[in-house]
Amino acid sequence: MAIKILVVDDDPDIRDVLRLTLEGENYEVTEASNGEEALKAIASKSPDLVLVDYQMPLMNGLEVCHTVKKDILLRHLPVIMVTGKGEVNDKVDGLDAGADDYVVKPFEPKELLARIRMVLRRSEIDLEANPLTRLPGNVSILEELSRRMENGKPFAVCYLDLDKFKAYNDTYGFEHGDDVIRETARILIRVTQEKGNPDDFVGHIGGDDYVIITTTQRVDDLCQTVIKQFEQAAPLFYNETDRKNGCIFAHDRKGNEVKVPLLSISIGVVSNEYRKIDHVVQIGEIGAELKAFAKRLERSNYVKDQRAGER
């Protein structure tokens, strides 16, 4: 799969030069003519690297970089700043804003390509991370669960799943569905940082399934806050009509029109507080069972496993 590079510059001639240079190396290139367009493209196209000019109308390269680097899901996105010749302050400001490197205009194509390769190597993160949310994927989740079991301390594993997501995706399309996935990840990260412990873990199993690993002392407050914030955010994913109706109209497998409630979130919580857990598979099986039970309840809910077992 080709590496995607977003080129951001208000000068169409420079964009053409950059496109020809990059496409000659088999990079997939998209363009934006100002900072506002760039942020929209980053949100929708998920580039692997951004090449942004410092001086632009509406929003300059410095502001674009600031915005990207403060977003918890985008902070690992490599950004190369393009500055004017001899503008030392621009270079310093760009690096202070979080830019991964800078290129001075006029640039030599060979140097530009070398810097892009260097930044991509330096910024490469675990390939198993989810490409949509950049959260750790299944390999990291299993490793973290194993580590928690080995240290023998009490832990709580939250399995989270969106309800009615397929109907939403079918009605609003995959781009809007991806927005929901990303915003849910932001909620989970934000709440875990606010209500959890410094070493708590947030992972993305795939699709609309996530996991949070925390402690038994923090898990109730964490789950309650996730539910509260998701319920506040969910209506904003819909148009005004559906929001007022509190539902969308979709079709079931037989083709019949049915009312589908707005998105909600279900959480199954597995812990070793009341029972001994010997294997990660056991955690997954209990989590799936609890999450399925939570889905049968009204709106967003969480269910904890409090059944006693052998210690």
Protein backbone atom coordinates (compact mmCIF):
# COMPACT_ATOMS: atom_id res chain seq x y z
CA MET A 1 0.00 0.00 0.00
CA ALA A 2 1.40 3.39 -1.04
CA ILE A 3 2.44 5.86 1.65
CA LYS A 4 0.06 8.84 1.65
CA ILE A 5 1.51 12.36 1.83
CA LEU A 6 -0.57 15.51 2.20
CA VAL A 7 1.01 18.57 0.52
CA VAL A 8 -0.20 21.90 1.94
CA ASP A 9 0.78 25.11 0.13
CA ASP A 10 -1.15 28.12 -1.20
CA ASP A 11 1.05 28.24 -4.33
CA PRO A 12 -0.32 25.82 -6.98
CA ASP A 13 3.03 25.78 -8.84
CA ILE A 14 4.87 24.56 -5.75
CA ARG A 15 2.17 21.94 -5.15
CA ASP A 16 2.66 20.73 -8.75
CA VAL A 17 6.42 20.43 -8.26
CA LEU A 18 5.97 18.54 -5.01
CA ARG A 19 3.35 16.24 -6.51
CA LEU A 20 5.61 15.32 -9.46
CA THR A 21 8.58 14.76 -7.15
CA LEU A 22 6.66 12.60 -4.69
CA GLU A 23 4.65 10.62 -7.22
CA GLY A 24 7.94 9.84 -8.98
CA GLU A 25 8.84 7.92 -5.80
CA ASN A 26 5.44 6.15 -5.73
CA TYR A 27 4.00 8.20 -2.88
CA GLU A 28 0.25 8.83 -2.98
CA VAL A 29 -0.26 12.60 -2.92
CA THR A 30 -3.24 14.69 -1.84
CA GLU A 31 -3.26 18.50 -1.76
CA ALA A 32 -4.61 21.40 0.29
CA SER A 33 -4.24 25.10 -0.47
CA ASN A 34 -4.51 26.42 3.10
CA GLY A 35 -4.44 25.34 6.72
CA GLU A 36 -8.19 24.88 7.10
CA GLU A 37 -8.33 22.60 4.06
CA ALA A 38 -5.35 20.71 5.48
CA LEU A 39 -7.08 19.90 8.76
CA LYS A 40 -10.16 18.65 6.90
CA ALA A 41 -7.98 16.48 4.67
CA ILE A 42 -6.09 15.09 7.67
CA ALA A 43 -9.37 14.14 9.32
CA SER A 44 -10.81 12.46 6.24
CA LYS A 45 -7.81 11.04 4.35
CA SER A 46 -5.58 9.84 7.23
CA PRO A 47 -2.24 10.69 5.57
CA ASP A 48 1.03 9.10 6.70
CA LEU A 49 2.93 12.40 6.55
CA VAL A 50 2.12 16.10 6.11
CA LEU A 51 4.34 18.51 4.17
CA VAL A 52 3.15 22.01 5.08
CA ASP A 53 4.26 25.51 4.08
CA TYR A 54 4.95 27.92 6.92
CA GLN A 55 3.40 31.04 5.32
CA MET A 56 -0.24 30.55 4.23
CA PRO A 57 -3.53 32.47 4.41
CA LEU A 58 -6.38 31.62 6.84
CA MET A 59 -4.18 29.34 8.97
CA ASN A 60 -0.42 29.10 8.64
CA GLY A 61 1.75 26.01 8.89
CA LEU A 62 2.62 26.73 12.50
CA GLU A 63 -1.07 26.72 13.49
CA VAL A 64 -1.70 23.53 11.52
CA CYS A 65 1.18 21.83 13.32
CA HIS A 66 -0.03 23.05 16.73
CA THR A 67 -3.53 21.72 16.04
CA VAL A 68 -2.31 18.32 14.84
CA LYS A 69 0.15 17.77 17.69
CA LYS A 70 -2.34 18.60 20.45
CA ASP A 71 -4.87 16.06 19.12
CA ILE A 72 -4.32 12.81 21.00
CA LEU A 73 -5.11 10.71 17.92
CA LEU A 74 -2.92 12.72 15.55
CA ARG A 75 0.12 13.63 17.63
CA HIS A 76 2.16 10.80 16.07
CA LEU A 77 1.44 12.06 12.52
CA PRO A 78 4.78 13.25 11.07
CA VAL A 79 4.83 16.91 9.95
CA ILE A 80 7.58 18.50 7.85
CA MET A 81 7.54 22.32 7.75
CA VAL A 82 8.59 24.13 4.57
CA THR A 83 10.18 27.52 5.34
CA GLY A 84 11.71 30.39 3.38
CA LYS A 85 15.46 30.58 2.90
CA GLY A 86 17.29 31.96 5.91
CA GLU A 87 14.17 32.39 8.07
CA VAL A 88 15.75 30.89 11.19
CA ASN A 89 12.93 31.99 13.49
CA ASP A 90 10.41 30.15 11.31
CA LYS A 91 12.45 26.95 11.63
CA VAL A 92 12.73 27.29 15.39
CA ASP A 93 9.04 28.12 15.80
CA GLY A 94 8.08 25.14 13.63
CA LEU A 95 10.17 22.73 15.67
CA ASP A 96 8.81 24.21 18.90
CA ALA A 97 5.28 23.63 17.56
CA GLY A 98 6.08 19.93 17.20
CA ALA A 99 7.21 19.70 13.57
CA ASP A 100 9.34 16.62 13.00
CA ASP A 101 11.66 18.35 10.52
CA TYR A 102 11.87 21.31 8.16
CA VAL A 103 12.88 21.93 4.53
CA VAL A 104 14.12 25.27 3.19
CA LYS A 105 12.83 26.69 -0.11
CA PRO A 106 14.09 26.41 -2.76
CA PHE A 107 14.77 22.77 -1.98
CA GLU A 108 16.63 20.04 -3.79
CA PRO A 109 14.29 17.13 -4.61
CA LYS A 110 16.88 14.57 -3.44
CA GLU A 111 17.23 16.28 -0.06
CA LEU A 112 13.46 16.54 0.34
CA LEU A 113 12.97 12.83 -0.40
CA ALA A 114 15.79 11.89 1.97
CA ARG A 115 14.22 13.94 4.77
CA ILE A 116 10.81 12.36 4.13
CA ARG A 117 12.32 8.87 4.34
CA MET A 118 14.16 9.79 7.53
CA VAL A 119 11.05 11.23 9.22
CA LEU A 120 8.93 8.24 8.22
CA ARG A 121 11.53 5.86 9.67
CA ARG A 122 11.90 7.91 12.84
CA SER A 123 8.18 8.38 13.32
CA GLU A 124 7.13 4.82 12.49
CA ILE A 125 4.97 3.35 15.22
CA ASP A 126 3.96 -0.22 15.84
CA LEU A 127 2.41 -1.56 12.62
CA GLU A 128 -0.21 -3.45 14.58
CA ALA A 129 -1.67 -0.20 15.93
CA ASN A 130 -5.14 0.55 14.58
CA PRO A 131 -4.70 2.80 11.50
CA LEU A 132 -7.89 4.74 12.22
CA THR A 133 -7.34 5.63 15.87
CA ARG A 134 -3.59 4.91 16.29
CA LEU A 135 -4.50 3.07 19.49
CA PRO A 136 -2.63 -0.16 20.33
CA GLY A 137 -4.13 -3.23 18.64
CA ASN A 138 -4.59 -6.85 19.58
CA VAL A 139 -0.92 -7.80 19.99
CA SER A 140 -0.34 -4.97 22.49
CA ILE A 141 -3.65 -5.72 24.24
CA LEU A 142 -2.69 -9.37 24.79
CA GLU A 143 0.76 -8.36 26.03
CA GLU A 144 -0.74 -5.87 28.49
CA LEU A 145 -3.27 -8.41 29.79
CA SER A 146 -0.49 -10.98 30.28
CA ARG A 147 1.62 -8.43 32.14
CA ARG A 148 -1.27 -7.55 34.47
CA MET A 149 -1.92 -11.19 35.27
CA GLU A 150 1.75 -11.86 35.95
CA ASN A 151 2.15 -9.04 38.49
CA GLY A 152 -0.73 -10.49 40.54
CA LYS A 153 -2.31 -7.13 41.45
CA PRO A 154 -6.06 -6.48 41.16
CA PHE A 155 -7.08 -5.30 37.70
CA ALA A 156 -10.27 -4.55 35.78
CA VAL A 157 -10.67 -5.00 32.02
CA CYS A 158 -13.44 -3.04 30.29
CA TYR A 159 -14.67 -4.38 26.96
CA LEU A 160 -16.53 -1.58 25.16
CA ASP A 161 -18.75 -1.87 22.12
CA LEU A 162 -21.05 0.57 20.29
CA ASP A 163 -24.72 -0.37 19.96
CA LYS A 164 -26.60 0.15 16.67
CA PHE A 165 -23.38 1.05 14.87
CA LYS A 166 -24.09 -1.05 11.76
CA ALA A 167 -27.40 0.72 11.18
CA TYR A 168 -25.66 4.06 11.63
CA ASN A 169 -22.93 3.08 9.14
CA ASP A 170 -25.49 1.89 6.61
CA THR A 171 -27.47 5.13 6.88
CA TYR A 172 -24.73 7.75 7.17
CA GLY A 173 -21.86 6.05 5.32
CA PHE A 174 -18.40 4.84 6.26
CA GLU A 175 -16.79 8.29 6.50
CA HIS A 176 -19.23 9.35 9.21
CA GLY A 177 -18.82 5.93 10.80
CA ASP A 178 -15.06 6.48 10.95
CA ASP A 179 -15.69 9.85 12.62
CA VAL A 180 -17.70 8.06 15.31
CA ILE A 181 -14.91 5.50 15.81
CA ARG A 182 -12.31 8.26 16.21
CA GLU A 183 -14.44 10.42 18.51
CA THR A 184 -15.22 7.41 20.71
CA ALA A 185 -11.48 6.75 20.99
CA ARG A 186 -10.95 10.37 22.05
CA ILE A 187 -13.60 10.02 24.74
CA LEU A 188 -12.03 6.82 26.08
CA ILE A 189 -8.55 8.33 26.16
CA ARG A 190 -9.73 11.57 27.77
CA VAL A 191 -11.78 9.82 30.45
CA THR A 192 -9.00 7.34 31.22
CA GLN A 193 -6.56 10.21 31.68
CA GLU A 194 -9.01 12.07 33.93
CA LYS A 195 -10.44 9.21 35.97
CA GLY A 196 -7.91 6.41 35.70
CA ASN A 197 -4.35 5.73 36.80
CA PRO A 198 -1.17 6.93 35.05
CA ASP A 199 -0.43 3.42 33.76
CA ASP A 200 -3.94 2.56 32.58
CA PHE A 201 -4.21 1.16 29.05
CA VAL A 202 -6.57 1.96 26.17
CA GLY A 203 -6.63 -0.32 23.12
CA HIS A 204 -8.65 -0.74 19.93
CA ILE A 205 -9.62 -4.34 19.20
CA GLY A 206 -11.06 -3.34 15.82
CA GLY A 207 -14.23 -1.86 14.33
CA ASP A 208 -16.32 -0.43 17.16
CA ASP A 209 -14.71 -2.60 19.87
CA TYR A 210 -12.28 -1.17 22.42
CA VAL A 211 -10.65 -2.18 25.69
CA ILE A 212 -9.57 -0.25 28.79
CA ILE A 213 -7.39 -1.87 31.46
CA THR A 214 -7.52 -0.15 34.83
CA THR A 215 -7.78 -0.97 38.54
CA THR A 216 -10.78 -2.19 40.51
CA GLN A 217 -10.79 1.05 42.54
CA ARG A 218 -11.17 3.30 39.49
CA VAL A 219 -13.31 1.21 37.17
CA ASP A 220 -16.79 2.34 38.32
CA ASP A 221 -16.07 6.05 38.05
CA LEU A 222 -14.34 5.48 34.73
CA CYS A 223 -17.25 3.51 33.21
CA GLN A 224 -19.84 5.98 34.49
CA THR A 225 -17.93 8.92 33.01
CA VAL A 226 -17.43 7.18 29.65
CA ILE A 227 -21.18 6.54 29.46
CA LYS A 228 -22.04 10.11 30.43
CA GLN A 229 -19.70 11.65 27.87
CA PHE A 230 -20.70 9.24 25.09
CA GLU A 231 -24.41 9.90 25.70
CA GLN A 232 -23.68 13.64 25.41
CA ALA A 233 -21.72 13.16 22.18
CA ALA A 234 -23.97 10.60 20.44
CA PRO A 235 -26.74 12.99 19.26
CA LEU A 236 -24.13 15.19 17.57
CA PHE A 237 -23.35 12.38 15.13
CA TYR A 238 -26.83 12.75 13.58
CA ASN A 239 -28.61 15.31 11.43
CA GLU A 240 -31.20 17.56 13.03
CA THR A 241 -34.21 15.46 11.99
CA ASP A 242 -32.84 12.19 13.35
CA ARG A 243 -31.66 13.95 16.49
CA LYS A 244 -35.16 15.29 17.17
CA ASN A 245 -36.74 11.91 16.42
CA GLY A 246 -34.26 10.15 18.69
CA CYS A 247 -33.85 7.42 16.09
CA ILE A 248 -33.15 6.60 12.45
CA PHE A 249 -35.23 4.52 10.08
CA ALA A 250 -33.37 1.51 8.68
CA HIS A 251 -34.21 -1.89 7.19
CA ASP A 252 -33.86 -5.24 8.90
CA ARG A 253 -32.61 -8.40 7.17
CA LYS A 254 -36.07 -9.06 5.75
CA GLY A 255 -36.24 -5.58 4.23
CA ASN A 256 -38.77 -4.24 6.73
CA GLU A 257 -38.40 -0.64 7.88
CA VAL A 258 -37.58 -0.40 11.57
CA LYS A 259 -36.82 2.34 14.07
CA VAL A 260 -33.24 2.21 15.33
CA PRO A 261 -32.35 4.17 18.49
CA LEU A 262 -29.38 6.53 18.57
CA LEU A 263 -25.93 5.10 19.21
CA SER A 264 -25.10 3.96 22.72
CA ILE A 265 -22.20 2.14 24.36
CA SER A 266 -22.11 -1.16 26.25
CA ILE A 267 -19.34 -2.15 28.64
CA GLY A 268 -18.53 -5.53 30.17
CA VAL A 269 -16.07 -5.39 33.09
CA VAL A 270 -13.91 -8.40 33.97
CA SER A 271 -11.73 -8.36 37.08
CA ASN A 272 -9.76 -10.68 39.33
CA GLU A 273 -11.35 -9.13 42.40
CA TYR A 274 -13.65 -12.07 43.11
CA ARG A 275 -12.15 -14.87 41.04
CA LYS A 276 -8.75 -16.11 39.93
CA ILE A 277 -8.01 -15.56 36.25
CA ASP A 278 -5.38 -17.81 34.71
CA HIS A 279 -5.44 -16.98 31.02
CA VAL A 280 -6.20 -14.08 28.67
CA VAL A 281 -8.72 -16.26 26.82
CA GLN A 282 -10.72 -16.47 30.05
CA ILE A 283 -10.82 -12.67 30.24
CA GLY A 284 -12.10 -12.42 26.67
CA GLU A 285 -14.81 -15.04 27.16
CA ILE A 286 -16.14 -13.43 30.35
CA GLY A 287 -15.95 -9.97 28.76
CA ALA A 288 -17.96 -11.06 25.72
CA GLU A 289 -20.62 -12.61 27.96
CA LEU A 290 -20.94 -9.48 30.11
CA LYS A 291 -20.97 -7.13 27.14
CA ALA A 292 -23.75 -9.15 25.51
CA PHE A 293 -25.78 -8.83 28.72
CA ALA A 294 -25.17 -5.07 28.83
CA LYS A 295 -26.43 -4.78 25.25
CA ARG A 296 -29.80 -6.16 26.30
CA LEU A 297 -30.30 -3.25 28.70
CA GLU A 298 -31.69 0.16 27.76
CA ARG A 299 -29.25 2.75 26.41
CA SER A 300 -25.62 2.86 27.55
CA ASN A 301 -24.74 0.56 30.43
CA TYR A 302 -21.91 -1.31 32.08
CA VAL A 303 -22.03 -4.73 33.74
CA LYS A 304 -19.40 -6.01 36.18
CA ASP A 305 -18.61 -9.64 36.84
CA GLN A 306 -19.06 -10.12 40.60
CA ARG A 307 -19.41 -13.88 40.59
CA ALA A 308 -17.11 -15.61 43.03
CA GLY A 309 -14.74 -18.28 41.80
CA GLU A 310 -11.67 -20.10 43.00
CA ARG A 311 -8.92 -17.85 44.33
